[in-house]
Amino acid sequence: MPAKTIVGHFSKSEFLSVLPPGFYIFMVIYSCYIVDFSVDPSQQSLFTIIALLADQINLQLTLLLFILFASYLLGSICRALPVRWAEHTIPFFHCHFPYPDKLNKVLNTLQKCGLQRIIDLSHGVPMHMFNYWKDFVCLVTPDGFEFYQTFETRSRLFAGIIWAAWSGIIGGLYLIIRTWNFPHGVGFPLFCLSFILFITFGANFRRVRAQEAKALLMIYLAYFQKK
């Protein structure tokens, strides 16, 4: 894969899967800090805290570099966590990536359409096998691997947002309990926004990961059909 392509993909991957959840977690921490050291926490709101941060950035632009660096570090921590951990935080978890039942349906459909069945997934798909497909595709078809990476990056973005949502849920509850004020001007909207993010991204997380698994399987099979 050309160096220019690698750098471009790295930048896109880092921006999509690291900075957004990292910045959200930073804002949760910043909001808790402002409320904790405020003279009158009951007068604070989420909008006043955002406005305060914007004013501080206008006064000192170097603060923006610190925010980006802190967001990158926090997002990198989320990205380093196994994606399956984020999936296990979703209620009614009952299946495991890479979802061999869904991959078997793909194989059965392709076989009915006349494609040769070169692998047997009736006994499941161990993660070592899935990682082998990934390494194989990376070696034999860099363009195919780059295409697969778009699906993997989206899965990591969803996982990062789920972790960020949990931080907001916990932070919102902390602010409500700390001040014994309901609805809290910061804690309540922060909790609601984070809960909405968790529901929205959590409800679609398995579908997104299933698309990732199917994409890798399709690329792996297409290589052998082409030969």
C-alpha atoms as a PDB file:
ATOM      1  CA  MET A   1       0.000   0.000   0.000  1.00  0.00           C
ATOM      2  CA  PRO A   2       1.531   3.381  -1.003  1.00  0.00           C
ATOM      3  CA  ALA A   3       2.777   5.553   1.827  1.00  0.00           C
ATOM      4  CA  LYS A   4       0.435   8.391   0.836  1.00  0.00           C
ATOM      5  CA  THR A   5      -2.558   6.023   1.072  1.00  0.00           C
ATOM      6  CA  ILE A   6      -1.444   4.734   4.473  1.00  0.00           C
ATOM      7  CA  VAL A   7      -1.063   8.262   5.880  1.00  0.00           C
ATOM      8  CA  GLY A   8      -4.423   9.351   4.471  1.00  0.00           C
ATOM      9  CA  HIS A   9      -6.217   6.294   5.852  1.00  0.00           C
ATOM     10  CA  PHE A  10      -4.493   6.684   9.229  1.00  0.00           C
ATOM     11  CA  SER A  11      -5.629  10.274   9.503  1.00  0.00           C
ATOM     12  CA  LYS A  12      -9.209   9.391   8.560  1.00  0.00           C
ATOM     13  CA  SER A  13      -9.259   6.419  10.939  1.00  0.00           C
ATOM     14  CA  GLU A  14      -7.850   8.461  13.815  1.00  0.00           C
ATOM     15  CA  PHE A  15     -10.309  11.303  13.244  1.00  0.00           C
ATOM     16  CA  LEU A  16     -13.385   9.077  13.003  1.00  0.00           C
ATOM     17  CA  SER A  17     -12.712   6.538  15.725  1.00  0.00           C
ATOM     18  CA  VAL A  18     -10.588   8.483  18.241  1.00  0.00           C
ATOM     19  CA  LEU A  19     -11.275  12.226  18.352  1.00  0.00           C
ATOM     20  CA  PRO A  20     -15.131  12.341  18.512  1.00  0.00           C
ATOM     21  CA  PRO A  21     -15.502   9.997  21.529  1.00  0.00           C
ATOM     22  CA  GLY A  22     -12.384  11.463  23.113  1.00  0.00           C
ATOM     23  CA  PHE A  23     -13.736  15.010  22.837  1.00  0.00           C
ATOM     24  CA  TYR A  24     -17.094  13.960  24.298  1.00  0.00           C
ATOM     25  CA  ILE A  25     -15.384  12.350  27.299  1.00  0.00           C
ATOM     26  CA  PHE A  26     -13.249  15.476  27.712  1.00  0.00           C
ATOM     27  CA  MET A  27     -16.410  17.619  27.796  1.00  0.00           C
ATOM     28  CA  VAL A  28     -17.940  15.336  30.433  1.00  0.00           C
ATOM     29  CA  ILE A  29     -14.848  15.682  32.634  1.00  0.00           C
ATOM     30  CA  TYR A  30     -14.693  19.436  32.024  1.00  0.00           C
ATOM     31  CA  SER A  31     -18.383  19.852  32.910  1.00  0.00           C
ATOM     32  CA  CYS A  32     -17.950  17.942  36.175  1.00  0.00           C
ATOM     33  CA  TYR A  33     -14.879  20.034  37.003  1.00  0.00           C
ATOM     34  CA  ILE A  34     -16.679  23.349  36.374  1.00  0.00           C
ATOM     35  CA  VAL A  35     -19.704  22.359  38.453  1.00  0.00           C
ATOM     36  CA  ASP A  36     -17.525  21.052  41.303  1.00  0.00           C
ATOM     37  CA  PHE A  37     -15.657  24.380  41.601  1.00  0.00           C
ATOM     38  CA  SER A  38     -18.590  26.656  40.841  1.00  0.00           C
ATOM     39  CA  VAL A  39     -19.774  29.077  43.550  1.00  0.00           C
ATOM     40  CA  ASP A  40     -23.409  28.340  42.733  1.00  0.00           C
ATOM     41  CA  PRO A  41     -23.717  25.021  40.816  1.00  0.00           C
ATOM     42  CA  SER A  42     -27.494  25.441  40.524  1.00  0.00           C
ATOM     43  CA  GLN A  43     -26.961  28.405  38.181  1.00  0.00           C
ATOM     44  CA  GLN A  44     -24.839  26.400  35.760  1.00  0.00           C
ATOM     45  CA  SER A  45     -26.201  24.925  32.536  1.00  0.00           C
ATOM     46  CA  LEU A  46     -24.687  22.848  29.774  1.00  0.00           C
ATOM     47  CA  PHE A  47     -24.818  25.836  27.423  1.00  0.00           C
ATOM     48  CA  THR A  48     -23.022  28.154  29.851  1.00  0.00           C
ATOM     49  CA  ILE A  49     -20.252  25.593  30.280  1.00  0.00           C
ATOM     50  CA  ILE A  50     -19.818  25.277  26.497  1.00  0.00           C
ATOM     51  CA  ALA A  51     -19.821  29.075  26.201  1.00  0.00           C
ATOM     52  CA  LEU A  52     -17.222  29.312  28.987  1.00  0.00           C
ATOM     53  CA  LEU A  53     -14.923  26.869  27.181  1.00  0.00           C
ATOM     54  CA  ALA A  54     -15.359  28.781  23.904  1.00  0.00           C
ATOM     55  CA  ASP A  55     -14.445  32.052  25.651  1.00  0.00           C
ATOM     56  CA  GLN A  56     -11.344  30.477  27.174  1.00  0.00           C
ATOM     57  CA  ILE A  57     -10.251  29.219  23.749  1.00  0.00           C
ATOM     58  CA  ASN A  58     -10.748  32.693  22.249  1.00  0.00           C
ATOM     59  CA  LEU A  59      -8.582  34.206  24.987  1.00  0.00           C
ATOM     60  CA  GLN A  60      -5.865  31.565  24.682  1.00  0.00           C
ATOM     61  CA  LEU A  61      -5.694  29.648  21.407  1.00  0.00           C
ATOM     62  CA  THR A  62      -3.004  27.329  22.756  1.00  0.00           C
ATOM     63  CA  LEU A  63      -5.754  25.827  24.941  1.00  0.00           C
ATOM     64  CA  LEU A  64      -7.207  24.322  21.769  1.00  0.00           C
ATOM     65  CA  LEU A  65      -4.030  22.265  21.312  1.00  0.00           C
ATOM     66  CA  PHE A  66      -4.376  20.933  24.847  1.00  0.00           C
ATOM     67  CA  ILE A  67      -8.031  20.024  24.234  1.00  0.00           C
ATOM     68  CA  LEU A  68      -7.155  18.190  21.011  1.00  0.00           C
ATOM     69  CA  PHE A  69      -4.297  16.358  22.721  1.00  0.00           C
ATOM     70  CA  ALA A  70      -6.457  15.407  25.724  1.00  0.00           C
ATOM     71  CA  SER A  71      -9.278  14.288  23.408  1.00  0.00           C
ATOM     72  CA  TYR A  72      -6.819  12.196  21.413  1.00  0.00           C
ATOM     73  CA  LEU A  73      -5.505  10.500  24.563  1.00  0.00           C
ATOM     74  CA  LEU A  74      -8.981   9.797  25.930  1.00  0.00           C
ATOM     75  CA  GLY A  75     -10.163   8.529  22.543  1.00  0.00           C
ATOM     76  CA  SER A  76      -7.080   6.335  22.210  1.00  0.00           C
ATOM     77  CA  ILE A  77      -7.888   4.709  25.556  1.00  0.00           C
ATOM     78  CA  CYS A  78     -11.373   3.856  24.245  1.00  0.00           C
ATOM     79  CA  ARG A  79      -9.915   2.568  20.983  1.00  0.00           C
ATOM     80  CA  ALA A  80      -7.459   0.348  22.861  1.00  0.00           C
ATOM     81  CA  LEU A  81     -10.296  -1.438  24.665  1.00  0.00           C
ATOM     82  CA  PRO A  82     -11.569  -4.589  22.923  1.00  0.00           C
ATOM     83  CA  VAL A  83     -14.616  -3.745  20.827  1.00  0.00           C
ATOM     84  CA  ARG A  84     -16.450  -6.761  22.240  1.00  0.00           C
ATOM     85  CA  TRP A  85     -16.385  -5.133  25.690  1.00  0.00           C
ATOM     86  CA  ALA A  86     -18.470  -2.263  24.373  1.00  0.00           C
ATOM     87  CA  GLU A  87     -20.861  -4.761  22.827  1.00  0.00           C
ATOM     88  CA  HIS A  88     -21.256  -6.568  26.136  1.00  0.00           C
ATOM     89  CA  THR A  89     -22.488  -3.349  27.766  1.00  0.00           C
ATOM     90  CA  ILE A  90     -25.549  -3.418  25.482  1.00  0.00           C
ATOM     91  CA  PRO A  91     -28.564  -5.071  27.188  1.00  0.00           C
ATOM     92  CA  PHE A  92     -29.753  -8.481  25.988  1.00  0.00           C
ATOM     93  CA  PHE A  93     -26.339  -9.382  24.581  1.00  0.00           C
ATOM     94  CA  HIS A  94     -26.662 -12.915  23.239  1.00  0.00           C
ATOM     95  CA  CYS A  95     -24.304 -13.441  20.305  1.00  0.00           C
ATOM     96  CA  HIS A  96     -20.601 -13.139  19.637  1.00  0.00           C
ATOM     97  CA  PHE A  97     -18.640 -11.455  16.888  1.00  0.00           C
ATOM     98  CA  PRO A  98     -18.064 -12.361  14.058  1.00  0.00           C
ATOM     99  CA  TYR A  99     -21.572 -13.850  14.153  1.00  0.00           C
ATOM    100  CA  PRO A 100     -21.035 -17.224  12.412  1.00  0.00           C
ATOM    101  CA  ASP A 101     -24.784 -17.717  11.910  1.00  0.00           C
ATOM    102  CA  LYS A 102     -24.958 -14.577   9.755  1.00  0.00           C
ATOM    103  CA  LEU A 103     -21.801 -15.540   7.846  1.00  0.00           C
ATOM    104  CA  ASN A 104     -23.216 -19.011   7.178  1.00  0.00           C
ATOM    105  CA  LYS A 105     -26.316 -17.436   5.657  1.00  0.00           C
ATOM    106  CA  VAL A 106     -24.057 -15.467   3.321  1.00  0.00           C
ATOM    107  CA  LEU A 107     -22.193 -18.629   2.326  1.00  0.00           C
ATOM    108  CA  ASN A 108     -25.414 -20.554   1.719  1.00  0.00           C
ATOM    109  CA  THR A 109     -26.791 -17.769  -0.464  1.00  0.00           C
ATOM    110  CA  LEU A 110     -23.592 -17.539  -2.497  1.00  0.00           C
ATOM    111  CA  GLN A 111     -23.508 -21.314  -2.917  1.00  0.00           C
ATOM    112  CA  LYS A 112     -27.076 -21.290  -4.276  1.00  0.00           C
ATOM    113  CA  CYS A 113     -25.943 -18.663  -6.787  1.00  0.00           C
ATOM    114  CA  GLY A 114     -23.210 -20.994  -8.050  1.00  0.00           C
ATOM    115  CA  LEU A 115     -20.150 -19.789  -6.172  1.00  0.00           C
ATOM    116  CA  GLN A 116     -17.815 -22.450  -4.868  1.00  0.00           C
ATOM    117  CA  ARG A 117     -17.889 -22.987  -1.103  1.00  0.00           C
ATOM    118  CA  ILE A 118     -14.242 -22.992  -0.082  1.00  0.00           C
ATOM    119  CA  ILE A 119     -14.664 -22.771   3.701  1.00  0.00           C
ATOM    120  CA  ASP A 120     -16.847 -24.444   6.294  1.00  0.00           C
ATOM    121  CA  LEU A 121     -18.181 -22.327   9.145  1.00  0.00           C
ATOM    122  CA  SER A 122     -20.519 -24.909  10.628  1.00  0.00           C
ATOM    123  CA  HIS A 123     -18.288 -25.173  13.723  1.00  0.00           C
ATOM    124  CA  GLY A 124     -18.119 -21.427  14.286  1.00  0.00           C
ATOM    125  CA  VAL A 125     -15.526 -18.785  13.505  1.00  0.00           C
ATOM    126  CA  PRO A 126     -12.782 -18.482  16.153  1.00  0.00           C
ATOM    127  CA  MET A 127     -11.267 -15.011  16.384  1.00  0.00           C
ATOM    128  CA  HIS A 128      -7.907 -16.467  15.343  1.00  0.00           C
ATOM    129  CA  MET A 129      -9.522 -17.515  12.061  1.00  0.00           C
ATOM    130  CA  PHE A 130     -11.131 -14.102  11.587  1.00  0.00           C
ATOM    131  CA  ASN A 131      -7.796 -12.384  12.248  1.00  0.00           C
ATOM    132  CA  TYR A 132      -6.162 -14.749   9.745  1.00  0.00           C
ATOM    133  CA  TRP A 133      -8.642 -13.641   7.080  1.00  0.00           C
ATOM    134  CA  LYS A 134      -7.757 -10.055   7.924  1.00  0.00           C
ATOM    135  CA  ASP A 135      -3.994 -10.644   7.647  1.00  0.00           C
ATOM    136  CA  PHE A 136      -4.455 -12.660   4.456  1.00  0.00           C
ATOM    137  CA  VAL A 137      -6.528  -9.935   2.793  1.00  0.00           C
ATOM    138  CA  CYS A 138      -3.998  -7.319   3.890  1.00  0.00           C
ATOM    139  CA  LEU A 139      -1.175  -9.242   2.189  1.00  0.00           C
ATOM    140  CA  VAL A 140      -2.831 -10.309  -1.064  1.00  0.00           C
ATOM    141  CA  THR A 141      -5.138  -7.367  -1.834  1.00  0.00           C
ATOM    142  CA  PRO A 142      -4.246  -4.025  -0.212  1.00  0.00           C
ATOM    143  CA  ASP A 143      -7.164  -2.318  -1.966  1.00  0.00           C
ATOM    144  CA  GLY A 144      -9.554  -4.902  -0.553  1.00  0.00           C
ATOM    145  CA  PHE A 145      -8.075  -4.453   2.900  1.00  0.00           C
ATOM    146  CA  GLU A 146      -8.466  -0.689   2.648  1.00  0.00           C
ATOM    147  CA  PHE A 147     -12.132  -1.229   1.741  1.00  0.00           C
ATOM    148  CA  TYR A 148     -12.558  -3.522   4.746  1.00  0.00           C
ATOM    149  CA  GLN A 149     -10.917  -0.948   6.999  1.00  0.00           C
ATOM    150  CA  THR A 150     -13.764   1.490   6.309  1.00  0.00           C
ATOM    151  CA  PHE A 151     -16.142  -0.994   7.976  1.00  0.00           C
ATOM    152  CA  GLU A 152     -13.748  -1.647  10.858  1.00  0.00           C
ATOM    153  CA  THR A 153     -13.281   2.089  11.458  1.00  0.00           C
ATOM    154  CA  ARG A 154     -17.047   2.539  11.643  1.00  0.00           C
ATOM    155  CA  SER A 155     -17.292  -0.284  14.194  1.00  0.00           C
ATOM    156  CA  ARG A 156     -14.592   1.353  16.308  1.00  0.00           C
ATOM    157  CA  LEU A 157     -16.382   4.701  16.064  1.00  0.00           C
ATOM    158  CA  PHE A 158     -19.584   3.094  17.356  1.00  0.00           C
ATOM    159  CA  ALA A 159     -17.659   1.416  20.191  1.00  0.00           C
ATOM    160  CA  GLY A 160     -15.994   4.721  21.093  1.00  0.00           C
ATOM    161  CA  ILE A 161     -19.330   6.566  21.155  1.00  0.00           C
ATOM    162  CA  ILE A 162     -20.791   3.851  23.395  1.00  0.00           C
ATOM    163  CA  TRP A 163     -17.931   4.332  25.885  1.00  0.00           C
ATOM    164  CA  ALA A 164     -18.353   8.116  25.630  1.00  0.00           C
ATOM    165  CA  ALA A 165     -22.092   7.739  26.263  1.00  0.00           C
ATOM    166  CA  TRP A 166     -21.404   5.677  29.386  1.00  0.00           C
ATOM    167  CA  SER A 167     -19.047   8.400  30.645  1.00  0.00           C
ATOM    168  CA  GLY A 168     -21.797  10.978  30.120  1.00  0.00           C
ATOM    169  CA  ILE A 169     -24.405   8.827  31.851  1.00  0.00           C
ATOM    170  CA  ILE A 170     -22.141   8.345  34.864  1.00  0.00           C
ATOM    171  CA  GLY A 171     -21.066  12.005  34.847  1.00  0.00           C
ATOM    172  CA  GLY A 172     -24.676  13.204  34.645  1.00  0.00           C
ATOM    173  CA  LEU A 173     -25.738  10.998  37.555  1.00  0.00           C
ATOM    174  CA  TYR A 174     -22.733  12.185  39.559  1.00  0.00           C
ATOM    175  CA  LEU A 175     -23.687  15.850  39.096  1.00  0.00           C
ATOM    176  CA  ILE A 176     -27.340  15.205  39.992  1.00  0.00           C
ATOM    177  CA  ILE A 177     -26.448  13.240  43.127  1.00  0.00           C
ATOM    178  CA  ARG A 178     -23.667  15.640  44.157  1.00  0.00           C
ATOM    179  CA  THR A 179     -25.890  18.728  44.194  1.00  0.00           C
ATOM    180  CA  TRP A 180     -29.164  16.970  45.076  1.00  0.00           C
ATOM    181  CA  ASN A 181     -30.813  19.141  42.462  1.00  0.00           C
ATOM    182  CA  PHE A 182     -33.247  17.661  39.930  1.00  0.00           C
ATOM    183  CA  PRO A 183     -33.479  18.458  37.148  1.00  0.00           C
ATOM    184  CA  HIS A 184     -29.861  19.621  37.327  1.00  0.00           C
ATOM    185  CA  GLY A 185     -28.977  22.266  34.705  1.00  0.00           C
ATOM    186  CA  VAL A 186     -25.874  20.314  33.635  1.00  0.00           C
ATOM    187  CA  GLY A 187     -26.307  16.796  34.949  1.00  0.00           C
ATOM    188  CA  PHE A 188     -29.819  16.167  33.632  1.00  0.00           C
ATOM    189  CA  PRO A 189     -29.253  17.268  29.990  1.00  0.00           C
ATOM    190  CA  LEU A 190     -25.864  15.533  30.006  1.00  0.00           C
ATOM    191  CA  PHE A 191     -27.484  12.310  31.211  1.00  0.00           C
ATOM    192  CA  CYS A 192     -30.310  12.572  28.637  1.00  0.00           C
ATOM    193  CA  LEU A 193     -27.973  13.337  25.726  1.00  0.00           C
ATOM    194  CA  SER A 194     -25.652  10.469  26.687  1.00  0.00           C
ATOM    195  CA  PHE A 195     -28.560   8.063  27.121  1.00  0.00           C
ATOM    196  CA  ILE A 196     -29.875   8.979  23.657  1.00  0.00           C
ATOM    197  CA  LEU A 197     -26.418   8.400  22.170  1.00  0.00           C
ATOM    198  CA  PHE A 198     -26.170   5.036  23.908  1.00  0.00           C
ATOM    199  CA  ILE A 199     -29.587   3.928  22.654  1.00  0.00           C
ATOM    200  CA  THR A 200     -28.975   5.181  19.099  1.00  0.00           C
ATOM    201  CA  PHE A 201     -25.498   3.740  18.612  1.00  0.00           C
ATOM    202  CA  GLY A 202     -26.097   0.666  20.784  1.00  0.00           C
ATOM    203  CA  ALA A 203     -29.207  -0.331  18.839  1.00  0.00           C
ATOM    204  CA  ASN A 204     -27.231  -0.317  15.576  1.00  0.00           C
ATOM    205  CA  PHE A 205     -23.911  -1.618  16.880  1.00  0.00           C
ATOM    206  CA  ARG A 206     -24.438  -5.310  16.110  1.00  0.00           C
ATOM    207  CA  ARG A 207     -25.715  -4.487  12.621  1.00  0.00           C
ATOM    208  CA  VAL A 208     -22.597  -2.412  11.940  1.00  0.00           C
ATOM    209  CA  ARG A 209     -20.276  -5.150  13.255  1.00  0.00           C
ATOM    210  CA  ALA A 210     -22.135  -7.765  11.209  1.00  0.00           C
ATOM    211  CA  GLN A 211     -21.517  -5.660   8.105  1.00  0.00           C
ATOM    212  CA  GLU A 212     -17.827  -5.558   9.011  1.00  0.00           C
ATOM    213  CA  ALA A 213     -17.655  -9.356   9.306  1.00  0.00           C
ATOM    214  CA  LYS A 214     -19.579  -9.878   6.054  1.00  0.00           C
ATOM    215  CA  ALA A 215     -17.340  -7.407   4.198  1.00  0.00           C
ATOM    216  CA  LEU A 216     -14.182  -9.266   5.220  1.00  0.00           C
ATOM    217  CA  LEU A 217     -15.704 -12.636   4.298  1.00  0.00           C
ATOM    218  CA  MET A 218     -16.789 -11.327   0.883  1.00  0.00           C
ATOM    219  CA  ILE A 219     -13.324  -9.939   0.118  1.00  0.00           C
ATOM    220  CA  TYR A 220     -11.696 -13.191   1.252  1.00  0.00           C
ATOM    221  CA  LEU A 221     -13.989 -15.281  -0.960  1.00  0.00           C
ATOM    222  CA  ALA A 222     -13.703 -12.909  -3.937  1.00  0.00           C
ATOM    223  CA  TYR A 223      -9.933 -13.374  -4.006  1.00  0.00           C
ATOM    224  CA  PHE A 224     -10.249 -17.128  -4.509  1.00  0.00           C
ATOM    225  CA  GLN A 225     -13.057 -16.806  -7.048  1.00  0.00           C
ATOM    226  CA  LYS A 226     -10.885 -14.463  -9.072  1.00  0.00           C
ATOM    227  CA  LYS A 227      -7.988 -16.929  -9.258  1.00  0.00           C
END
